[in-house]
Amino acid sequence: MDKNNILINLSESEQIKFGKEDFHTQSVPQKVFSSIWAVESEVNNGGFSQYFQNSTSAETAPFVVEALNTIGAPSTADICNRAIACAFPTGLPATREAICSAAESLADDKLSELEVLDAEFMKYPHNLTELLFAYVSNHVEEFGPVPKPD
């Protein structure tokens, strides 16, 4: 099994309760995993606008920059920080509902700016799979023993 498949299995496991219980109840290592998993999944699927409009992933937005910095992805963290600033120039709303609502009414010019950031994100300035796998492997107390990749 490769590292990406190991991470996919972890994302669906009981160690990560994201989607099963609220993000705010997760431990910091779980939040790191969930935040990175959510932003990568959503941006690859529909861009930052989708990331902010999805109520599950929007909940991770206040933590995603910290999560990316934690695993050693500062350039990717910067892209996410700029996406947040673009979509919410007066600051990130306090609740996921407010984030989703504000994201649903973004002006076309903001959506265009986010598309530029989507493309920048998808160039992958950091190998998120490698960094996230290393992070998970170093937090056995949270995630359990991680299988060795093939």
N, C-alpha and C. Protein backbone atom coordinates (compact mmCIF):
# COMPACT_ATOMS: atom_id res chain seq x y z
N MET A 1 0.85 -1.17 0.00
CA MET A 1 0.00 0.00 0.00
C MET A 1 0.90 1.25 0.00
N ASP A 2 0.54 2.23 -0.82
CA ASP A 2 1.33 3.45 -0.87
C ASP A 2 0.88 4.44 0.21
N LYS A 3 1.66 5.50 0.39
CA LYS A 3 1.39 6.47 1.45
C LYS A 3 0.03 7.13 1.29
N ASN A 4 -0.35 7.46 0.07
CA ASN A 4 -1.64 8.10 -0.15
C ASN A 4 -2.78 7.18 0.27
N ASN A 5 -2.70 5.90 -0.08
CA ASN A 5 -3.76 4.96 0.32
C ASN A 5 -3.79 4.75 1.82
N ILE A 6 -2.63 4.79 2.46
CA ILE A 6 -2.60 4.69 3.92
C ILE A 6 -3.32 5.90 4.53
N LEU A 7 -3.07 7.10 3.98
CA LEU A 7 -3.74 8.30 4.48
C LEU A 7 -5.24 8.27 4.19
N ILE A 8 -5.62 7.74 3.04
CA ILE A 8 -7.05 7.61 2.72
C ILE A 8 -7.72 6.71 3.75
N ASN A 9 -7.10 5.58 4.05
CA ASN A 9 -7.65 4.67 5.05
C ASN A 9 -7.75 5.34 6.41
N LEU A 10 -6.74 6.12 6.77
CA LEU A 10 -6.78 6.84 8.04
C LEU A 10 -7.92 7.86 8.05
N SER A 11 -8.14 8.54 6.93
CA SER A 11 -9.20 9.55 6.88
C SER A 11 -10.58 8.94 7.10
N GLU A 12 -10.70 7.65 6.82
CA GLU A 12 -11.98 6.95 6.97
C GLU A 12 -12.07 6.15 8.27
N SER A 13 -11.03 6.24 9.09
CA SER A 13 -10.95 5.43 10.30
C SER A 13 -11.57 6.13 11.51
N GLU A 14 -11.64 5.38 12.60
CA GLU A 14 -12.14 5.93 13.85
C GLU A 14 -11.16 6.91 14.50
N GLN A 15 -9.85 6.82 14.14
CA GLN A 15 -8.89 7.76 14.71
C GLN A 15 -9.20 9.19 14.28
N ILE A 16 -9.78 9.32 13.10
CA ILE A 16 -10.18 10.64 12.61
C ILE A 16 -11.70 10.65 12.63
N LYS A 17 -12.21 11.45 13.52
CA LYS A 17 -13.66 11.48 13.69
C LYS A 17 -14.29 12.62 12.91
N PHE A 18 -13.51 13.21 12.00
CA PHE A 18 -13.98 14.34 11.21
C PHE A 18 -15.19 13.92 10.39
N GLY A 19 -16.25 14.66 10.51
CA GLY A 19 -17.48 14.31 9.83
C GLY A 19 -18.38 13.46 10.71
N LYS A 20 -17.79 12.83 11.72
CA LYS A 20 -18.55 12.01 12.65
C LYS A 20 -18.83 12.80 13.93
N GLU A 21 -17.94 13.70 14.25
CA GLU A 21 -18.15 14.61 15.37
C GLU A 21 -17.52 15.94 15.00
N ASP A 22 -17.81 16.93 15.76
CA ASP A 22 -17.35 18.27 15.41
C ASP A 22 -15.84 18.41 15.45
N PHE A 23 -15.34 19.17 14.53
CA PHE A 23 -13.92 19.46 14.40
C PHE A 23 -13.35 20.01 15.70
N HIS A 24 -14.10 20.87 16.38
CA HIS A 24 -13.57 21.52 17.58
C HIS A 24 -13.30 20.55 18.72
N THR A 25 -13.82 19.33 18.66
CA THR A 25 -13.57 18.35 19.71
C THR A 25 -12.34 17.48 19.42
N GLN A 26 -11.76 17.63 18.25
CA GLN A 26 -10.58 16.84 17.90
C GLN A 26 -9.35 17.34 18.64
N SER A 27 -8.37 16.45 18.81
CA SER A 27 -7.07 16.85 19.36
C SER A 27 -6.35 17.68 18.29
N VAL A 28 -5.30 18.36 18.68
CA VAL A 28 -4.55 19.17 17.72
C VAL A 28 -4.00 18.32 16.57
N PRO A 29 -3.37 17.16 16.83
CA PRO A 29 -2.90 16.36 15.70
C PRO A 29 -4.04 15.92 14.77
N GLN A 30 -5.19 15.59 15.33
CA GLN A 30 -6.34 15.24 14.48
C GLN A 30 -6.79 16.44 13.66
N LYS A 31 -6.78 17.62 14.26
CA LYS A 31 -7.15 18.83 13.53
C LYS A 31 -6.17 19.11 12.39
N VAL A 32 -4.90 18.89 12.64
CA VAL A 32 -3.90 19.07 11.59
C VAL A 32 -4.25 18.16 10.42
N PHE A 33 -4.46 16.88 10.71
CA PHE A 33 -4.80 15.93 9.65
C PHE A 33 -6.08 16.35 8.93
N SER A 34 -7.14 16.59 9.68
CA SER A 34 -8.44 16.92 9.09
C SER A 34 -8.40 18.18 8.26
N SER A 35 -7.68 19.19 8.73
CA SER A 35 -7.59 20.46 8.00
C SER A 35 -6.91 20.29 6.66
N ILE A 36 -5.79 19.58 6.68
CA ILE A 36 -5.05 19.38 5.44
C ILE A 36 -5.81 18.47 4.49
N TRP A 37 -6.42 17.44 5.05
CA TRP A 37 -7.22 16.52 4.22
C TRP A 37 -8.38 17.27 3.56
N ALA A 38 -9.04 18.12 4.32
CA ALA A 38 -10.19 18.85 3.79
C ALA A 38 -9.79 19.85 2.71
N VAL A 39 -8.76 20.65 2.97
CA VAL A 39 -8.39 21.67 1.98
C VAL A 39 -7.89 21.03 0.70
N GLU A 40 -7.09 19.98 0.83
CA GLU A 40 -6.58 19.34 -0.39
C GLU A 40 -7.72 18.69 -1.18
N SER A 41 -8.61 18.00 -0.49
CA SER A 41 -9.74 17.36 -1.17
C SER A 41 -10.63 18.36 -1.88
N GLU A 42 -11.00 19.41 -1.18
CA GLU A 42 -11.94 20.37 -1.73
C GLU A 42 -11.33 21.24 -2.83
N VAL A 43 -10.11 21.71 -2.62
CA VAL A 43 -9.49 22.56 -3.65
C VAL A 43 -9.27 21.75 -4.92
N ASN A 44 -8.84 20.51 -4.78
CA ASN A 44 -8.66 19.66 -5.96
C ASN A 44 -9.98 19.34 -6.65
N ASN A 45 -11.04 19.30 -5.90
CA ASN A 45 -12.35 18.93 -6.46
C ASN A 45 -13.11 20.12 -7.03
N GLY A 46 -13.02 21.29 -6.38
CA GLY A 46 -13.81 22.41 -6.84
C GLY A 46 -13.24 23.77 -6.49
N GLY A 47 -12.01 23.79 -6.01
CA GLY A 47 -11.37 25.06 -5.72
C GLY A 47 -11.66 25.58 -4.32
N PHE A 48 -11.02 26.71 -4.02
CA PHE A 48 -11.21 27.33 -2.71
C PHE A 48 -12.67 27.74 -2.49
N SER A 49 -13.37 28.13 -3.54
CA SER A 49 -14.78 28.51 -3.34
C SER A 49 -15.57 27.33 -2.80
N GLN A 50 -15.30 26.13 -3.32
CA GLN A 50 -15.98 24.93 -2.80
C GLN A 50 -15.53 24.64 -1.38
N TYR A 51 -14.25 24.80 -1.12
CA TYR A 51 -13.72 24.56 0.23
C TYR A 51 -14.46 25.43 1.26
N PHE A 52 -14.66 26.71 0.93
CA PHE A 52 -15.33 27.61 1.85
C PHE A 52 -16.84 27.38 1.92
N GLN A 53 -17.45 26.87 0.87
CA GLN A 53 -18.90 26.66 0.85
C GLN A 53 -19.32 25.35 1.50
N ASN A 54 -18.43 24.38 1.59
CA ASN A 54 -18.75 23.09 2.19
C ASN A 54 -18.70 23.24 3.71
N SER A 55 -19.80 22.94 4.39
CA SER A 55 -19.85 23.19 5.83
C SER A 55 -18.84 22.37 6.61
N THR A 56 -18.51 21.18 6.16
CA THR A 56 -17.53 20.36 6.87
C THR A 56 -16.14 20.93 6.70
N SER A 57 -15.75 21.23 5.47
CA SER A 57 -14.39 21.76 5.26
C SER A 57 -14.27 23.20 5.75
N ALA A 58 -15.32 23.99 5.65
CA ALA A 58 -15.27 25.38 6.11
C ALA A 58 -14.92 25.47 7.58
N GLU A 59 -15.30 24.45 8.33
CA GLU A 59 -14.99 24.45 9.76
C GLU A 59 -13.48 24.41 10.01
N THR A 60 -12.72 23.89 9.03
CA THR A 60 -11.27 23.80 9.21
C THR A 60 -10.54 25.08 8.79
N ALA A 61 -11.22 25.99 8.12
CA ALA A 61 -10.57 27.18 7.57
C ALA A 61 -9.80 28.00 8.61
N PRO A 62 -10.32 28.20 9.81
CA PRO A 62 -9.55 28.99 10.78
C PRO A 62 -8.24 28.33 11.22
N PHE A 63 -8.10 27.03 10.98
CA PHE A 63 -6.93 26.29 11.46
C PHE A 63 -6.00 25.84 10.34
N VAL A 64 -6.43 25.94 9.08
CA VAL A 64 -5.68 25.33 7.99
C VAL A 64 -4.28 25.91 7.81
N VAL A 65 -4.11 27.20 7.98
CA VAL A 65 -2.78 27.80 7.82
C VAL A 65 -1.84 27.26 8.89
N GLU A 66 -2.30 27.21 10.12
CA GLU A 66 -1.49 26.65 11.21
C GLU A 66 -1.16 25.18 10.94
N ALA A 67 -2.13 24.42 10.45
CA ALA A 67 -1.92 23.00 10.17
C ALA A 67 -0.83 22.81 9.12
N LEU A 68 -0.89 23.59 8.06
CA LEU A 68 0.11 23.47 7.00
C LEU A 68 1.50 23.88 7.49
N ASN A 69 1.56 24.92 8.28
CA ASN A 69 2.84 25.31 8.86
C ASN A 69 3.38 24.23 9.79
N THR A 70 2.49 23.58 10.51
CA THR A 70 2.88 22.53 11.46
C THR A 70 3.58 21.37 10.75
N ILE A 71 3.13 21.00 9.56
CA ILE A 71 3.75 19.87 8.86
C ILE A 71 4.93 20.31 7.99
N GLY A 72 5.21 21.60 7.94
CA GLY A 72 6.35 22.08 7.16
C GLY A 72 6.01 22.47 5.74
N ALA A 73 4.82 23.03 5.55
CA ALA A 73 4.39 23.47 4.21
C ALA A 73 4.07 24.96 4.22
N PRO A 74 5.06 25.83 4.46
CA PRO A 74 4.78 27.26 4.59
C PRO A 74 4.30 27.92 3.30
N SER A 75 4.77 27.49 2.15
CA SER A 75 4.30 28.10 0.90
C SER A 75 2.84 27.76 0.64
N THR A 76 2.46 26.53 0.92
CA THR A 76 1.06 26.14 0.78
C THR A 76 0.20 26.86 1.81
N ALA A 77 0.72 27.03 3.01
CA ALA A 77 0.02 27.80 4.05
C ALA A 77 -0.21 29.23 3.58
N ASP A 78 0.78 29.80 2.92
CA ASP A 78 0.66 31.17 2.41
C ASP A 78 -0.44 31.26 1.34
N ILE A 79 -0.53 30.27 0.48
CA ILE A 79 -1.59 30.26 -0.54
C ILE A 79 -2.95 30.24 0.14
N CYS A 80 -3.10 29.39 1.15
CA CYS A 80 -4.38 29.31 1.87
C CYS A 80 -4.68 30.61 2.61
N ASN A 81 -3.67 31.22 3.18
CA ASN A 81 -3.85 32.49 3.87
C ASN A 81 -4.33 33.57 2.90
N ARG A 82 -3.74 33.59 1.70
CA ARG A 82 -4.16 34.57 0.69
C ARG A 82 -5.58 34.27 0.19
N ALA A 83 -5.94 32.99 0.11
CA ALA A 83 -7.31 32.64 -0.31
C ALA A 83 -8.32 33.12 0.74
N ILE A 84 -7.99 32.95 1.99
CA ILE A 84 -8.87 33.42 3.07
C ILE A 84 -9.00 34.94 3.00
N ALA A 85 -7.89 35.62 2.83
CA ALA A 85 -7.91 37.09 2.75
C ALA A 85 -8.68 37.57 1.53
N CYS A 86 -8.57 36.85 0.44
CA CYS A 86 -9.30 37.21 -0.78
C CYS A 86 -10.80 37.05 -0.58
N ALA A 87 -11.20 35.91 -0.07
CA ALA A 87 -12.63 35.62 0.09
C ALA A 87 -13.27 36.42 1.22
N PHE A 88 -12.49 36.73 2.23
CA PHE A 88 -13.02 37.40 3.43
C PHE A 88 -12.13 38.57 3.81
N PRO A 89 -12.15 39.64 3.01
CA PRO A 89 -11.23 40.76 3.24
C PRO A 89 -11.40 41.45 4.60
N THR A 90 -12.55 41.32 5.21
CA THR A 90 -12.74 41.91 6.54
C THR A 90 -12.47 40.92 7.65
N GLY A 91 -12.02 39.74 7.30
CA GLY A 91 -11.70 38.71 8.28
C GLY A 91 -12.60 37.50 8.13
N LEU A 92 -12.06 36.36 8.49
CA LEU A 92 -12.80 35.09 8.41
C LEU A 92 -13.96 35.13 9.39
N PRO A 93 -15.17 34.86 8.94
CA PRO A 93 -16.31 34.83 9.87
C PRO A 93 -16.08 33.82 11.00
N ALA A 94 -16.77 34.01 12.10
CA ALA A 94 -16.53 33.24 13.31
C ALA A 94 -17.09 31.82 13.27
N THR A 95 -18.11 31.57 12.46
CA THR A 95 -18.72 30.24 12.45
C THR A 95 -18.66 29.62 11.05
N ARG A 96 -18.74 28.32 11.00
CA ARG A 96 -18.72 27.67 9.68
C ARG A 96 -19.94 28.06 8.86
N GLU A 97 -21.07 28.26 9.52
CA GLU A 97 -22.27 28.68 8.81
C GLU A 97 -22.07 30.04 8.15
N ALA A 98 -21.43 30.96 8.88
CA ALA A 98 -21.17 32.29 8.35
C ALA A 98 -20.13 32.24 7.23
N ILE A 99 -19.15 31.35 7.36
CA ILE A 99 -18.15 31.18 6.29
C ILE A 99 -18.84 30.70 5.03
N CYS A 100 -19.68 29.67 5.16
CA CYS A 100 -20.39 29.12 4.01
C CYS A 100 -21.29 30.16 3.36
N SER A 101 -22.03 30.88 4.18
CA SER A 101 -22.95 31.89 3.67
C SER A 101 -22.21 32.98 2.92
N ALA A 102 -21.13 33.48 3.50
CA ALA A 102 -20.36 34.53 2.84
C ALA A 102 -19.73 34.01 1.55
N ALA A 103 -19.27 32.77 1.56
CA ALA A 103 -18.64 32.18 0.37
C ALA A 103 -19.63 31.99 -0.77
N GLU A 104 -20.87 31.71 -0.43
CA GLU A 104 -21.90 31.50 -1.46
C GLU A 104 -22.22 32.78 -2.22
N SER A 105 -21.92 33.92 -1.61
CA SER A 105 -22.25 35.19 -2.27
C SER A 105 -21.01 35.97 -2.72
N LEU A 106 -19.91 35.25 -2.97
CA LEU A 106 -18.71 35.94 -3.44
C LEU A 106 -18.93 36.52 -4.83
N ALA A 107 -18.41 37.71 -5.03
CA ALA A 107 -18.52 38.39 -6.32
C ALA A 107 -17.65 37.68 -7.35
N ASP A 108 -17.98 37.86 -8.61
CA ASP A 108 -17.25 37.21 -9.69
C ASP A 108 -15.76 37.54 -9.67
N ASP A 109 -15.41 38.78 -9.34
CA ASP A 109 -13.99 39.13 -9.31
C ASP A 109 -13.25 38.35 -8.22
N LYS A 110 -13.90 38.11 -7.08
CA LYS A 110 -13.29 37.33 -6.00
C LYS A 110 -13.15 35.87 -6.43
N LEU A 111 -14.16 35.35 -7.12
CA LEU A 111 -14.09 33.97 -7.61
C LEU A 111 -12.94 33.81 -8.61
N SER A 112 -12.74 34.81 -9.44
CA SER A 112 -11.63 34.78 -10.40
C SER A 112 -10.28 34.80 -9.67
N GLU A 113 -10.19 35.62 -8.64
CA GLU A 113 -8.94 35.67 -7.86
C GLU A 113 -8.69 34.33 -7.17
N LEU A 114 -9.76 33.71 -6.67
CA LEU A 114 -9.61 32.40 -6.03
C LEU A 114 -9.18 31.34 -7.03
N GLU A 115 -9.64 31.44 -8.26
CA GLU A 115 -9.23 30.47 -9.28
C GLU A 115 -7.72 30.53 -9.53
N VAL A 116 -7.15 31.72 -9.48
CA VAL A 116 -5.70 31.87 -9.63
C VAL A 116 -5.00 31.16 -8.47
N LEU A 117 -5.55 31.32 -7.26
CA LEU A 117 -4.97 30.65 -6.09
C LEU A 117 -5.18 29.14 -6.15
N ASP A 118 -6.32 28.71 -6.71
CA ASP A 118 -6.54 27.27 -6.92
C ASP A 118 -5.40 26.68 -7.75
N ALA A 119 -5.09 27.34 -8.85
CA ALA A 119 -4.04 26.86 -9.75
C ALA A 119 -2.68 26.85 -9.05
N GLU A 120 -2.44 27.86 -8.24
CA GLU A 120 -1.18 27.93 -7.50
C GLU A 120 -1.09 26.77 -6.48
N PHE A 121 -2.19 26.52 -5.80
CA PHE A 121 -2.26 25.42 -4.84
C PHE A 121 -1.99 24.08 -5.54
N MET A 122 -2.62 23.89 -6.69
CA MET A 122 -2.52 22.61 -7.40
C MET A 122 -1.17 22.38 -8.06
N LYS A 123 -0.31 23.38 -8.04
CA LYS A 123 1.08 23.17 -8.49
C LYS A 123 1.89 22.47 -7.40
N TYR A 124 1.32 22.36 -6.22
CA TYR A 124 1.92 21.68 -5.08
C TYR A 124 3.35 22.12 -4.79
N PRO A 125 3.49 23.31 -4.17
CA PRO A 125 4.83 23.74 -3.77
C PRO A 125 5.46 22.80 -2.73
N HIS A 126 4.62 22.00 -2.07
CA HIS A 126 5.09 20.99 -1.11
C HIS A 126 4.39 19.68 -1.43
N ASN A 127 5.06 18.58 -1.15
CA ASN A 127 4.45 17.27 -1.31
C ASN A 127 3.64 16.99 -0.04
N LEU A 128 2.36 17.32 -0.08
CA LEU A 128 1.51 17.19 1.11
C LEU A 128 1.36 15.75 1.56
N THR A 129 1.36 14.81 0.63
CA THR A 129 1.25 13.40 1.01
C THR A 129 2.45 13.01 1.86
N GLU A 130 3.65 13.34 1.41
CA GLU A 130 4.87 13.00 2.15
C GLU A 130 4.88 13.67 3.53
N LEU A 131 4.56 14.96 3.55
CA LEU A 131 4.60 15.70 4.81
C LEU A 131 3.54 15.22 5.79
N LEU A 132 2.33 14.97 5.29
CA LEU A 132 1.26 14.51 6.17
C LEU A 132 1.53 13.09 6.66
N PHE A 133 2.07 12.25 5.80
CA PHE A 133 2.41 10.89 6.21
C PHE A 133 3.48 10.92 7.31
N ALA A 134 4.49 11.75 7.15
CA ALA A 134 5.53 11.88 8.18
C ALA A 134 4.94 12.38 9.49
N TYR A 135 4.04 13.34 9.41
CA TYR A 135 3.40 13.89 10.60
C TYR A 135 2.61 12.80 11.33
N VAL A 136 1.80 12.07 10.59
CA VAL A 136 0.99 11.00 11.18
C VAL A 136 1.89 9.93 11.79
N SER A 137 2.96 9.59 11.09
CA SER A 137 3.89 8.57 11.58
C SER A 137 4.55 8.98 12.88
N ASN A 138 4.71 10.29 13.09
CA ASN A 138 5.33 10.81 14.30
C ASN A 138 4.34 11.03 15.44
N HIS A 139 3.07 10.73 15.20
CA HIS A 139 2.04 10.92 16.23
C HIS A 139 1.26 9.61 16.44
N VAL A 140 2.01 8.57 16.74
CA VAL A 140 1.42 7.24 16.94
C VAL A 140 0.39 7.27 18.07
N GLU A 141 0.62 8.11 19.08
CA GLU A 141 -0.31 8.19 20.21
C GLU A 141 -1.70 8.65 19.77
N GLU A 142 -1.78 9.35 18.67
CA GLU A 142 -3.07 9.84 18.15
C GLU A 142 -3.65 8.95 17.07
N PHE A 143 -2.78 8.44 16.21
CA PHE A 143 -3.24 7.75 15.00
C PHE A 143 -3.00 6.24 15.01
N GLY A 144 -2.29 5.77 16.02
CA GLY A 144 -1.93 4.37 16.06
C GLY A 144 -0.76 4.10 15.14
N PRO A 145 -0.28 2.86 15.16
CA PRO A 145 0.85 2.54 14.28
C PRO A 145 0.44 2.68 12.81
N VAL A 146 1.29 3.31 12.06
CA VAL A 146 1.02 3.54 10.64
C VAL A 146 1.71 2.43 9.84
N PRO A 147 0.97 1.78 8.94
CA PRO A 147 1.62 0.73 8.14
C PRO A 147 2.77 1.28 7.33
N LYS A 148 3.74 0.45 7.08
CA LYS A 148 4.86 0.83 6.22
C LYS A 148 4.39 0.79 4.78
N PRO A 149 4.71 1.83 4.03
CA PRO A 149 4.32 1.83 2.60
C PRO A 149 5.13 0.80 1.82
N ASP A 150 4.57 0.39 0.69
CA ASP A 150 5.27 -0.58 -0.18
C ASP A 150 6.49 0.04 -0.79
